[in-house]
Amino acid sequence: MHFLMMLIGLGLAWGVRSFATAATGNLTKRWQQTLGLFLFSPLLLLMTALAILCMGPSGQMLGHWEGWLGYDLAFWFLAWAIASGIKLAWEGHQTVQRLRQNPVIEINGNVAYLLDTSELYSAQVGFWQPELVVSQGLLTTLDDEHLEAVLVHEQAHAHYHDTFWFFWLGWLRRLTCWLPHTEALWQDLLMLRELRADQRAVSQVDPLVLAESLLMVVSAPLMQPEVCATFSWTVSRDRLTERIDSLLADSAPAMPTNLWSMSWLLLVLLPLMTIPLHVG
């Protein structure tokens, strides 16, 4: 029965991802739809494995004797999940430690670590309380107005604690990289993260100045995106165009996420409700 539970969980996780479509609507709706599709499958698999682990390999469930096969699959999946999380946390910790070896400077009232590189780069790096990092090339190339726009964008990432939440999302991504559309949903979330920070930033700076800064700074990220939220993030010309168009459009600010609209994710807890059905 436990093995059947694992198969059902895997089938549902695969099916939901297989029929995933691109999110539409405003920024808030796209964020909720994309986040929900990204979270459902890995959380369902984790809850299924946890329920099986709690029930143990012996006893009966709905009249069927249990065995070690389903229990072993659940155990090793959870062990792999924990090991992956520890590995990702260690990589993030190492990134922060390397960052702290750089000199500290103050820019417009912001404390930042300075990277000795000609690349134009800025980012928030860390977990719940990330630290600002900028490059020498950024300070040399941008004037005060454009530099301030970049810093305001990075402050938006710190406001939303993007590095902390994307650490956990990045962990789920690693666990389910084999599921359909995992990478596409991940890239969409990274894009929506930047659009949300852009929208918050334009409430304090001229959107045209922010767009000009983006065109000057855009480049490949220097650090892993799970613990790094960078102004210069982009992966294609289409993504860059979308960010520029969003900045120049007269769009309404993003509304806070409606938790009620995400309540369907509680379905991932259904496997835990099977625990009382286990006897022995």
C-alpha atoms as a PDB file:
ATOM      1  CA  MET A   1       0.000   0.000   0.000  1.00  0.00           C
ATOM      2  CA  HIS A   2       2.860   2.358   0.777  1.00  0.00           C
ATOM      3  CA  PHE A   3       4.395   1.671  -2.612  1.00  0.00           C
ATOM      4  CA  LEU A   4       1.023   2.425  -4.217  1.00  0.00           C
ATOM      5  CA  MET A   5       0.898   5.725  -2.305  1.00  0.00           C
ATOM      6  CA  MET A   6       4.292   6.663  -3.706  1.00  0.00           C
ATOM      7  CA  LEU A   7       3.131   5.811  -7.232  1.00  0.00           C
ATOM      8  CA  ILE A   8      -0.059   7.858  -6.826  1.00  0.00           C
ATOM      9  CA  GLY A   9       1.898  10.814  -5.437  1.00  0.00           C
ATOM     10  CA  LEU A  10       4.392  10.612  -8.274  1.00  0.00           C
ATOM     11  CA  GLY A  11       1.613  10.341 -10.850  1.00  0.00           C
ATOM     12  CA  LEU A  12      -0.211  13.386  -9.474  1.00  0.00           C
ATOM     13  CA  ALA A  13       3.014  15.401  -9.239  1.00  0.00           C
ATOM     14  CA  TRP A  14       3.935  14.523 -12.818  1.00  0.00           C
ATOM     15  CA  GLY A  15       0.415  15.120 -14.116  1.00  0.00           C
ATOM     16  CA  VAL A  16       0.027  18.581 -12.580  1.00  0.00           C
ATOM     17  CA  ARG A  17       3.364  19.646 -14.046  1.00  0.00           C
ATOM     18  CA  SER A  18       2.655  18.091 -17.455  1.00  0.00           C
ATOM     19  CA  PHE A  19      -0.462  20.201 -17.941  1.00  0.00           C
ATOM     20  CA  ALA A  20       1.073  23.412 -16.607  1.00  0.00           C
ATOM     21  CA  THR A  21       0.530  26.442 -18.831  1.00  0.00           C
ATOM     22  CA  ALA A  22       2.132  29.868 -18.861  1.00  0.00           C
ATOM     23  CA  ALA A  23       0.650  32.188 -16.237  1.00  0.00           C
ATOM     24  CA  THR A  24      -1.354  35.156 -17.490  1.00  0.00           C
ATOM     25  CA  GLY A  25      -2.749  38.353 -16.017  1.00  0.00           C
ATOM     26  CA  ASN A  26      -1.093  41.037 -13.930  1.00  0.00           C
ATOM     27  CA  LEU A  27       2.096  40.559 -11.953  1.00  0.00           C
ATOM     28  CA  THR A  28       0.317  39.388  -8.805  1.00  0.00           C
ATOM     29  CA  LYS A  29      -1.759  36.766 -10.630  1.00  0.00           C
ATOM     30  CA  ARG A  30       1.251  35.514 -12.585  1.00  0.00           C
ATOM     31  CA  TRP A  31       3.253  35.260  -9.353  1.00  0.00           C
ATOM     32  CA  GLN A  32       0.534  33.263  -7.578  1.00  0.00           C
ATOM     33  CA  GLN A  33      -0.099  30.923 -10.519  1.00  0.00           C
ATOM     34  CA  THR A  34       3.574  30.236 -11.195  1.00  0.00           C
ATOM     35  CA  LEU A  35       4.457  29.805  -7.524  1.00  0.00           C
ATOM     36  CA  GLY A  36       1.537  27.436  -6.977  1.00  0.00           C
ATOM     37  CA  LEU A  37       2.475  25.233  -9.936  1.00  0.00           C
ATOM     38  CA  PHE A  38       6.104  25.203  -8.844  1.00  0.00           C
ATOM     39  CA  LEU A  39       5.336  24.283  -5.209  1.00  0.00           C
ATOM     40  CA  PHE A  40       2.570  21.692  -5.559  1.00  0.00           C
ATOM     41  CA  SER A  41       4.492  18.736  -6.984  1.00  0.00           C
ATOM     42  CA  PRO A  42       7.571  18.751  -4.701  1.00  0.00           C
ATOM     43  CA  LEU A  43       5.479  19.431  -1.591  1.00  0.00           C
ATOM     44  CA  LEU A  44       3.112  16.581  -2.473  1.00  0.00           C
ATOM     45  CA  LEU A  45       6.038  14.183  -2.875  1.00  0.00           C
ATOM     46  CA  LEU A  46       7.580  15.313   0.407  1.00  0.00           C
ATOM     47  CA  MET A  47       4.300  14.965   2.331  1.00  0.00           C
ATOM     48  CA  THR A  48       3.674  11.527   0.826  1.00  0.00           C
ATOM     49  CA  ALA A  49       7.134  10.329   1.817  1.00  0.00           C
ATOM     50  CA  LEU A  50       6.754  11.837   5.298  1.00  0.00           C
ATOM     51  CA  ALA A  51       3.391  10.117   5.815  1.00  0.00           C
ATOM     52  CA  ILE A  52       4.858   6.742   4.826  1.00  0.00           C
ATOM     53  CA  LEU A  53       7.841   7.262   7.111  1.00  0.00           C
ATOM     54  CA  CYS A  54       5.523   8.055  10.029  1.00  0.00           C
ATOM     55  CA  MET A  55       3.494   4.871   9.441  1.00  0.00           C
ATOM     56  CA  GLY A  56       6.541   2.607   9.333  1.00  0.00           C
ATOM     57  CA  PRO A  57       7.209  -0.535   7.286  1.00  0.00           C
ATOM     58  CA  SER A  58       4.995  -2.922   9.274  1.00  0.00           C
ATOM     59  CA  GLY A  59       1.279  -3.176   9.965  1.00  0.00           C
ATOM     60  CA  GLN A  60      -1.791  -2.867   7.729  1.00  0.00           C
ATOM     61  CA  MET A  61      -3.505  -0.100   5.828  1.00  0.00           C
ATOM     62  CA  LEU A  62      -7.048  -0.609   4.497  1.00  0.00           C
ATOM     63  CA  GLY A  63      -6.599  -4.357   4.920  1.00  0.00           C
ATOM     64  CA  HIS A  64      -3.321  -4.564   3.025  1.00  0.00           C
ATOM     65  CA  TRP A  65      -0.063  -5.589   4.691  1.00  0.00           C
ATOM     66  CA  GLU A  66       2.745  -3.095   4.331  1.00  0.00           C
ATOM     67  CA  GLY A  67       6.281  -3.850   3.225  1.00  0.00           C
ATOM     68  CA  TRP A  68       9.722  -2.377   3.053  1.00  0.00           C
ATOM     69  CA  LEU A  69       9.716  -1.291  -0.610  1.00  0.00           C
ATOM     70  CA  GLY A  70       7.508   1.783  -0.256  1.00  0.00           C
ATOM     71  CA  TYR A  71       9.060   2.602   3.119  1.00  0.00           C
ATOM     72  CA  ASP A  72      12.593   2.420   1.690  1.00  0.00           C
ATOM     73  CA  LEU A  73      11.658   4.655  -1.242  1.00  0.00           C
ATOM     74  CA  ALA A  74      10.162   7.231   1.131  1.00  0.00           C
ATOM     75  CA  PHE A  75      13.139   7.056   3.488  1.00  0.00           C
ATOM     76  CA  TRP A  76      15.755   7.547   0.783  1.00  0.00           C
ATOM     77  CA  PHE A  77      13.781  10.323  -0.905  1.00  0.00           C
ATOM     78  CA  LEU A  78      13.590  12.265   2.369  1.00  0.00           C
ATOM     79  CA  ALA A  79      17.252  11.536   3.095  1.00  0.00           C
ATOM     80  CA  TRP A  80      18.178  12.864  -0.341  1.00  0.00           C
ATOM     81  CA  ALA A  81      16.002  15.939   0.256  1.00  0.00           C
ATOM     82  CA  ILE A  82      17.715  16.686   3.576  1.00  0.00           C
ATOM     83  CA  ALA A  83      21.179  16.112   2.113  1.00  0.00           C
ATOM     84  CA  SER A  84      20.388  18.395  -0.839  1.00  0.00           C
ATOM     85  CA  GLY A  85      19.181  21.115   1.524  1.00  0.00           C
ATOM     86  CA  ILE A  86      22.329  20.876   3.645  1.00  0.00           C
ATOM     87  CA  LYS A  87      24.514  20.983   0.532  1.00  0.00           C
ATOM     88  CA  LEU A  88      22.701  24.044  -0.824  1.00  0.00           C
ATOM     89  CA  ALA A  89      22.907  25.799   2.556  1.00  0.00           C
ATOM     90  CA  TRP A  90      26.635  25.059   2.748  1.00  0.00           C
ATOM     91  CA  GLU A  91      27.180  26.433  -0.767  1.00  0.00           C
ATOM     92  CA  GLY A  92      25.283  29.576   0.198  1.00  0.00           C
ATOM     93  CA  HIS A  93      27.301  29.925   3.397  1.00  0.00           C
ATOM     94  CA  GLN A  94      30.536  29.586   1.435  1.00  0.00           C
ATOM     95  CA  THR A  95      29.365  32.249  -1.018  1.00  0.00           C
ATOM     96  CA  VAL A  96      28.665  34.669   1.836  1.00  0.00           C
ATOM     97  CA  GLN A  97      32.040  33.913   3.453  1.00  0.00           C
ATOM     98  CA  ARG A  98      33.890  34.605   0.193  1.00  0.00           C
ATOM     99  CA  LEU A  99      31.919  37.819  -0.194  1.00  0.00           C
ATOM    100  CA  ARG A 100      32.985  39.016   3.257  1.00  0.00           C
ATOM    101  CA  GLN A 101      36.631  38.829   2.235  1.00  0.00           C
ATOM    102  CA  ASN A 102      36.070  41.894   0.034  1.00  0.00           C
ATOM    103  CA  PRO A 103      36.451  45.478   1.306  1.00  0.00           C
ATOM    104  CA  VAL A 104      33.432  47.236   2.809  1.00  0.00           C
ATOM    105  CA  ILE A 105      32.336  50.633   1.468  1.00  0.00           C
ATOM    106  CA  GLU A 106      29.420  53.009   1.996  1.00  0.00           C
ATOM    107  CA  ILE A 107      27.293  54.162  -0.941  1.00  0.00           C
ATOM    108  CA  ASN A 108      24.492  56.662  -0.456  1.00  0.00           C
ATOM    109  CA  GLY A 109      23.974  55.454   3.092  1.00  0.00           C
ATOM    110  CA  ASN A 110      24.160  51.768   2.123  1.00  0.00           C
ATOM    111  CA  VAL A 111      26.920  49.491   3.410  1.00  0.00           C
ATOM    112  CA  ALA A 112      28.187  47.232   0.628  1.00  0.00           C
ATOM    113  CA  TYR A 113      30.975  44.824  -0.236  1.00  0.00           C
ATOM    114  CA  LEU A 114      33.102  45.915  -3.188  1.00  0.00           C
ATOM    115  CA  LEU A 115      34.084  43.412  -5.886  1.00  0.00           C
ATOM    116  CA  ASP A 116      37.297  44.263  -7.697  1.00  0.00           C
ATOM    117  CA  THR A 117      36.024  43.647 -11.217  1.00  0.00           C
ATOM    118  CA  SER A 118      35.278  45.815 -14.234  1.00  0.00           C
ATOM    119  CA  GLU A 119      31.936  44.023 -14.733  1.00  0.00           C
ATOM    120  CA  LEU A 120      28.853  46.112 -13.928  1.00  0.00           C
ATOM    121  CA  TYR A 121      27.300  44.151 -11.099  1.00  0.00           C
ATOM    122  CA  SER A 122      25.118  44.590  -8.022  1.00  0.00           C
ATOM    123  CA  ALA A 123      23.235  42.077  -5.885  1.00  0.00           C
ATOM    124  CA  GLN A 124      21.836  41.147  -2.508  1.00  0.00           C
ATOM    125  CA  VAL A 125      23.629  38.027  -1.262  1.00  0.00           C
ATOM    126  CA  GLY A 126      22.715  35.911   1.749  1.00  0.00           C
ATOM    127  CA  PHE A 127      19.598  34.528   3.375  1.00  0.00           C
ATOM    128  CA  TRP A 128      17.039  36.373   5.572  1.00  0.00           C
ATOM    129  CA  GLN A 129      19.193  39.488   5.946  1.00  0.00           C
ATOM    130  CA  PRO A 130      21.215  39.647   2.724  1.00  0.00           C
ATOM    131  CA  GLU A 131      24.225  41.862   2.203  1.00  0.00           C
ATOM    132  CA  LEU A 132      24.680  44.296  -0.656  1.00  0.00           C
ATOM    133  CA  VAL A 133      27.516  43.728  -3.101  1.00  0.00           C
ATOM    134  CA  VAL A 134      28.584  46.041  -5.935  1.00  0.00           C
ATOM    135  CA  SER A 135      31.444  45.989  -8.389  1.00  0.00           C
ATOM    136  CA  GLN A 136      34.097  48.607  -9.004  1.00  0.00           C
ATOM    137  CA  GLY A 137      32.951  48.717 -12.612  1.00  0.00           C
ATOM    138  CA  LEU A 138      29.457  49.713 -11.506  1.00  0.00           C
ATOM    139  CA  LEU A 139      30.743  52.614  -9.402  1.00  0.00           C
ATOM    140  CA  THR A 140      33.051  53.771 -12.180  1.00  0.00           C
ATOM    141  CA  THR A 141      30.515  53.600 -15.009  1.00  0.00           C
ATOM    142  CA  LEU A 142      27.206  54.815 -13.558  1.00  0.00           C
ATOM    143  CA  ASP A 143      26.479  58.380 -12.553  1.00  0.00           C
ATOM    144  CA  ASP A 144      24.824  59.139  -9.208  1.00  0.00           C
ATOM    145  CA  GLU A 145      21.271  59.086 -10.586  1.00  0.00           C
ATOM    146  CA  HIS A 146      21.581  55.699 -12.275  1.00  0.00           C
ATOM    147  CA  LEU A 147      23.522  54.242  -9.343  1.00  0.00           C
ATOM    148  CA  GLU A 148      20.758  55.302  -6.965  1.00  0.00           C
ATOM    149  CA  ALA A 149      18.195  53.548  -9.185  1.00  0.00           C
ATOM    150  CA  VAL A 150      20.185  50.311  -9.000  1.00  0.00           C
ATOM    151  CA  LEU A 151      20.510  50.560  -5.212  1.00  0.00           C
ATOM    152  CA  VAL A 152      16.777  51.160  -4.782  1.00  0.00           C
ATOM    153  CA  HIS A 153      16.089  48.021  -6.811  1.00  0.00           C
ATOM    154  CA  GLU A 154      18.411  46.027  -4.548  1.00  0.00           C
ATOM    155  CA  GLN A 155      16.661  47.452  -1.488  1.00  0.00           C
ATOM    156  CA  ALA A 156      13.409  46.051  -2.887  1.00  0.00           C
ATOM    157  CA  HIS A 157      14.945  42.564  -2.922  1.00  0.00           C
ATOM    158  CA  ALA A 158      15.952  43.014   0.719  1.00  0.00           C
ATOM    159  CA  HIS A 159      12.436  44.230   1.566  1.00  0.00           C
ATOM    160  CA  TYR A 160      10.863  41.061   0.156  1.00  0.00           C
ATOM    161  CA  HIS A 161      13.600  38.799   1.628  1.00  0.00           C
ATOM    162  CA  ASP A 162      13.961  37.333  -1.857  1.00  0.00           C
ATOM    163  CA  THR A 163      17.237  35.568  -1.108  1.00  0.00           C
ATOM    164  CA  PHE A 164      15.692  33.670   1.810  1.00  0.00           C
ATOM    165  CA  TRP A 165      12.574  32.527  -0.020  1.00  0.00           C
ATOM    166  CA  PHE A 166      14.463  31.632  -3.190  1.00  0.00           C
ATOM    167  CA  PHE A 167      16.871  29.538  -1.168  1.00  0.00           C
ATOM    168  CA  TRP A 168      13.957  27.246  -0.320  1.00  0.00           C
ATOM    169  CA  LEU A 169      12.520  27.418  -3.831  1.00  0.00           C
ATOM    170  CA  GLY A 170      15.955  26.554  -5.189  1.00  0.00           C
ATOM    171  CA  TRP A 171      16.047  23.549  -2.870  1.00  0.00           C
ATOM    172  CA  LEU A 172      12.707  22.308  -4.233  1.00  0.00           C
ATOM    173  CA  ARG A 173      13.995  22.914  -7.741  1.00  0.00           C
ATOM    174  CA  ARG A 174      16.953  20.615  -7.127  1.00  0.00           C
ATOM    175  CA  LEU A 175      14.690  17.916  -5.693  1.00  0.00           C
ATOM    176  CA  THR A 176      12.374  17.896  -8.700  1.00  0.00           C
ATOM    177  CA  CYS A 177      14.627  18.879 -11.590  1.00  0.00           C
ATOM    178  CA  TRP A 178      13.413  15.680 -13.303  1.00  0.00           C
ATOM    179  CA  LEU A 179       9.751  16.756 -13.330  1.00  0.00           C
ATOM    180  CA  PRO A 180       8.290  18.459 -16.436  1.00  0.00           C
ATOM    181  CA  HIS A 181       8.641  22.241 -16.692  1.00  0.00           C
ATOM    182  CA  THR A 182      10.706  22.617 -13.511  1.00  0.00           C
ATOM    183  CA  GLU A 183      13.348  24.782 -15.168  1.00  0.00           C
ATOM    184  CA  ALA A 184      10.779  26.840 -17.095  1.00  0.00           C
ATOM    185  CA  LEU A 185       8.825  27.579 -13.904  1.00  0.00           C
ATOM    186  CA  TRP A 186      12.059  28.406 -12.069  1.00  0.00           C
ATOM    187  CA  GLN A 187      13.098  30.900 -14.735  1.00  0.00           C
ATOM    188  CA  ASP A 188       9.613  32.439 -14.641  1.00  0.00           C
ATOM    189  CA  LEU A 189       9.889  32.867 -10.870  1.00  0.00           C
ATOM    190  CA  LEU A 190      13.282  34.553 -11.235  1.00  0.00           C
ATOM    191  CA  MET A 191      11.786  36.874 -13.827  1.00  0.00           C
ATOM    192  CA  LEU A 192       8.769  37.698 -11.666  1.00  0.00           C
ATOM    193  CA  ARG A 193      11.101  38.332  -8.731  1.00  0.00           C
ATOM    194  CA  GLU A 194      12.881  41.003 -10.756  1.00  0.00           C
ATOM    195  CA  LEU A 195       9.638  42.511 -12.058  1.00  0.00           C
ATOM    196  CA  ARG A 196       8.333  42.795  -8.494  1.00  0.00           C
ATOM    197  CA  ALA A 197      11.525  44.523  -7.346  1.00  0.00           C
ATOM    198  CA  ASP A 198      11.381  46.813 -10.388  1.00  0.00           C
ATOM    199  CA  GLN A 199       7.803  47.825  -9.588  1.00  0.00           C
ATOM    200  CA  ARG A 200       8.677  48.660  -6.000  1.00  0.00           C
ATOM    201  CA  ALA A 201      11.727  50.620  -7.141  1.00  0.00           C
ATOM    202  CA  VAL A 202       9.791  52.833  -9.580  1.00  0.00           C
ATOM    203  CA  SER A 203       7.791  54.207  -6.657  1.00  0.00           C
ATOM    204  CA  GLN A 204      11.022  55.925  -5.566  1.00  0.00           C
ATOM    205  CA  VAL A 205      12.954  56.570  -8.783  1.00  0.00           C
ATOM    206  CA  ASP A 206      12.173  57.533 -12.371  1.00  0.00           C
ATOM    207  CA  PRO A 207      11.264  54.352 -14.303  1.00  0.00           C
ATOM    208  CA  LEU A 208      13.126  55.642 -17.350  1.00  0.00           C
ATOM    209  CA  VAL A 209      16.312  56.009 -15.294  1.00  0.00           C
ATOM    210  CA  LEU A 210      15.844  52.485 -13.930  1.00  0.00           C
ATOM    211  CA  ALA A 211      15.352  51.126 -17.456  1.00  0.00           C
ATOM    212  CA  GLU A 212      18.499  52.899 -18.652  1.00  0.00           C
ATOM    213  CA  SER A 213      20.410  51.447 -15.708  1.00  0.00           C
ATOM    214  CA  LEU A 214      19.188  47.966 -16.587  1.00  0.00           C
ATOM    215  CA  LEU A 215      20.368  48.306 -20.179  1.00  0.00           C
ATOM    216  CA  MET A 216      23.810  49.351 -18.974  1.00  0.00           C
ATOM    217  CA  VAL A 217      24.176  46.779 -16.217  1.00  0.00           C
ATOM    218  CA  VAL A 218      22.532  43.690 -17.713  1.00  0.00           C
ATOM    219  CA  SER A 219      24.848  40.675 -17.682  1.00  0.00           C
ATOM    220  CA  ALA A 220      25.070  37.059 -16.594  1.00  0.00           C
ATOM    221  CA  PRO A 221      24.930  36.554 -12.789  1.00  0.00           C
ATOM    222  CA  LEU A 222      28.236  35.950 -11.005  1.00  0.00           C
ATOM    223  CA  MET A 223      26.700  33.981  -8.122  1.00  0.00           C
ATOM    224  CA  GLN A 224      24.096  31.250  -7.675  1.00  0.00           C
ATOM    225  CA  PRO A 225      20.525  32.659  -7.907  1.00  0.00           C
ATOM    226  CA  GLU A 226      19.289  30.715  -4.833  1.00  0.00           C
ATOM    227  CA  VAL A 227      21.145  33.061  -2.453  1.00  0.00           C
ATOM    228  CA  CYS A 228      21.708  36.003  -4.781  1.00  0.00           C
ATOM    229  CA  ALA A 229      19.143  38.526  -6.058  1.00  0.00           C
ATOM    230  CA  THR A 230      20.803  40.654  -8.697  1.00  0.00           C
ATOM    231  CA  PHE A 231      19.613  43.696 -10.624  1.00  0.00           C
ATOM    232  CA  SER A 232      21.436  42.508 -13.731  1.00  0.00           C
ATOM    233  CA  TRP A 233      19.650  39.148 -13.956  1.00  0.00           C
ATOM    234  CA  THR A 234      18.478  38.166 -17.412  1.00  0.00           C
ATOM    235  CA  VAL A 235      18.604  35.043 -19.539  1.00  0.00           C
ATOM    236  CA  SER A 236      17.405  36.177 -22.962  1.00  0.00           C
ATOM    237  CA  ARG A 237      16.581  39.213 -25.028  1.00  0.00           C
ATOM    238  CA  ASP A 238      12.867  38.477 -24.560  1.00  0.00           C
ATOM    239  CA  ARG A 239      13.244  38.599 -20.771  1.00  0.00           C
ATOM    240  CA  LEU A 240      15.147  41.865 -20.972  1.00  0.00           C
ATOM    241  CA  THR A 241      12.505  43.335 -23.274  1.00  0.00           C
ATOM    242  CA  GLU A 242       9.759  42.301 -20.859  1.00  0.00           C
ATOM    243  CA  ARG A 243      11.490  44.046 -17.959  1.00  0.00           C
ATOM    244  CA  ILE A 244      12.043  47.210 -19.977  1.00  0.00           C
ATOM    245  CA  ASP A 245       8.442  47.230 -21.236  1.00  0.00           C
ATOM    246  CA  SER A 246       7.155  46.701 -17.705  1.00  0.00           C
ATOM    247  CA  LEU A 247       9.232  49.603 -16.404  1.00  0.00           C
ATOM    248  CA  LEU A 248       8.029  51.956 -19.115  1.00  0.00           C
ATOM    249  CA  ALA A 249       4.382  50.874 -18.901  1.00  0.00           C
ATOM    250  CA  ASP A 250       2.031  52.720 -16.588  1.00  0.00           C
ATOM    251  CA  SER A 251       1.226  49.610 -14.554  1.00  0.00           C
ATOM    252  CA  ALA A 252      -0.246  49.455 -11.070  1.00  0.00           C
ATOM    253  CA  PRO A 253       2.013  48.448  -8.191  1.00  0.00           C
ATOM    254  CA  ALA A 254       2.042  44.765  -7.308  1.00  0.00           C
ATOM    255  CA  MET A 255      -0.459  43.852  -4.612  1.00  0.00           C
ATOM    256  CA  PRO A 256       0.491  41.570  -1.714  1.00  0.00           C
ATOM    257  CA  THR A 257       0.046  37.869  -2.386  1.00  0.00           C
ATOM    258  CA  ASN A 258      -3.492  36.716  -1.568  1.00  0.00           C
ATOM    259  CA  LEU A 259      -2.921  33.684   0.641  1.00  0.00           C
ATOM    260  CA  TRP A 260      -6.524  32.555   0.184  1.00  0.00           C
ATOM    261  CA  SER A 261      -5.964  32.169  -3.562  1.00  0.00           C
ATOM    262  CA  MET A 262      -3.063  29.816  -2.715  1.00  0.00           C
ATOM    263  CA  SER A 263      -5.171  27.723  -0.329  1.00  0.00           C
ATOM    264  CA  TRP A 264      -5.483  24.927  -2.897  1.00  0.00           C
ATOM    265  CA  LEU A 265      -1.905  24.040  -1.995  1.00  0.00           C
ATOM    266  CA  LEU A 266      -3.292  22.577   1.241  1.00  0.00           C
ATOM    267  CA  LEU A 267      -4.154  19.541  -0.888  1.00  0.00           C
ATOM    268  CA  VAL A 268      -0.520  18.481  -0.499  1.00  0.00           C
ATOM    269  CA  LEU A 269      -1.370  17.630   3.130  1.00  0.00           C
ATOM    270  CA  LEU A 270      -3.819  14.887   2.101  1.00  0.00           C
ATOM    271  CA  PRO A 271      -1.180  12.115   2.421  1.00  0.00           C
ATOM    272  CA  LEU A 272      -0.788  12.989   6.109  1.00  0.00           C
ATOM    273  CA  MET A 273      -4.499  12.285   6.609  1.00  0.00           C
ATOM    274  CA  THR A 274      -3.892   8.637   5.706  1.00  0.00           C
ATOM    275  CA  ILE A 275      -1.750   8.073   8.811  1.00  0.00           C
ATOM    276  CA  PRO A 276      -4.763   7.205  11.066  1.00  0.00           C
ATOM    277  CA  LEU A 277      -5.725   4.498   8.528  1.00  0.00           C
ATOM    278  CA  HIS A 278      -2.530   2.605   9.347  1.00  0.00           C
ATOM    279  CA  VAL A 279      -2.902  -0.134  11.977  1.00  0.00           C
ATOM    280  CA  GLY A 280      -0.151  -2.056  13.735  1.00  0.00           C
END
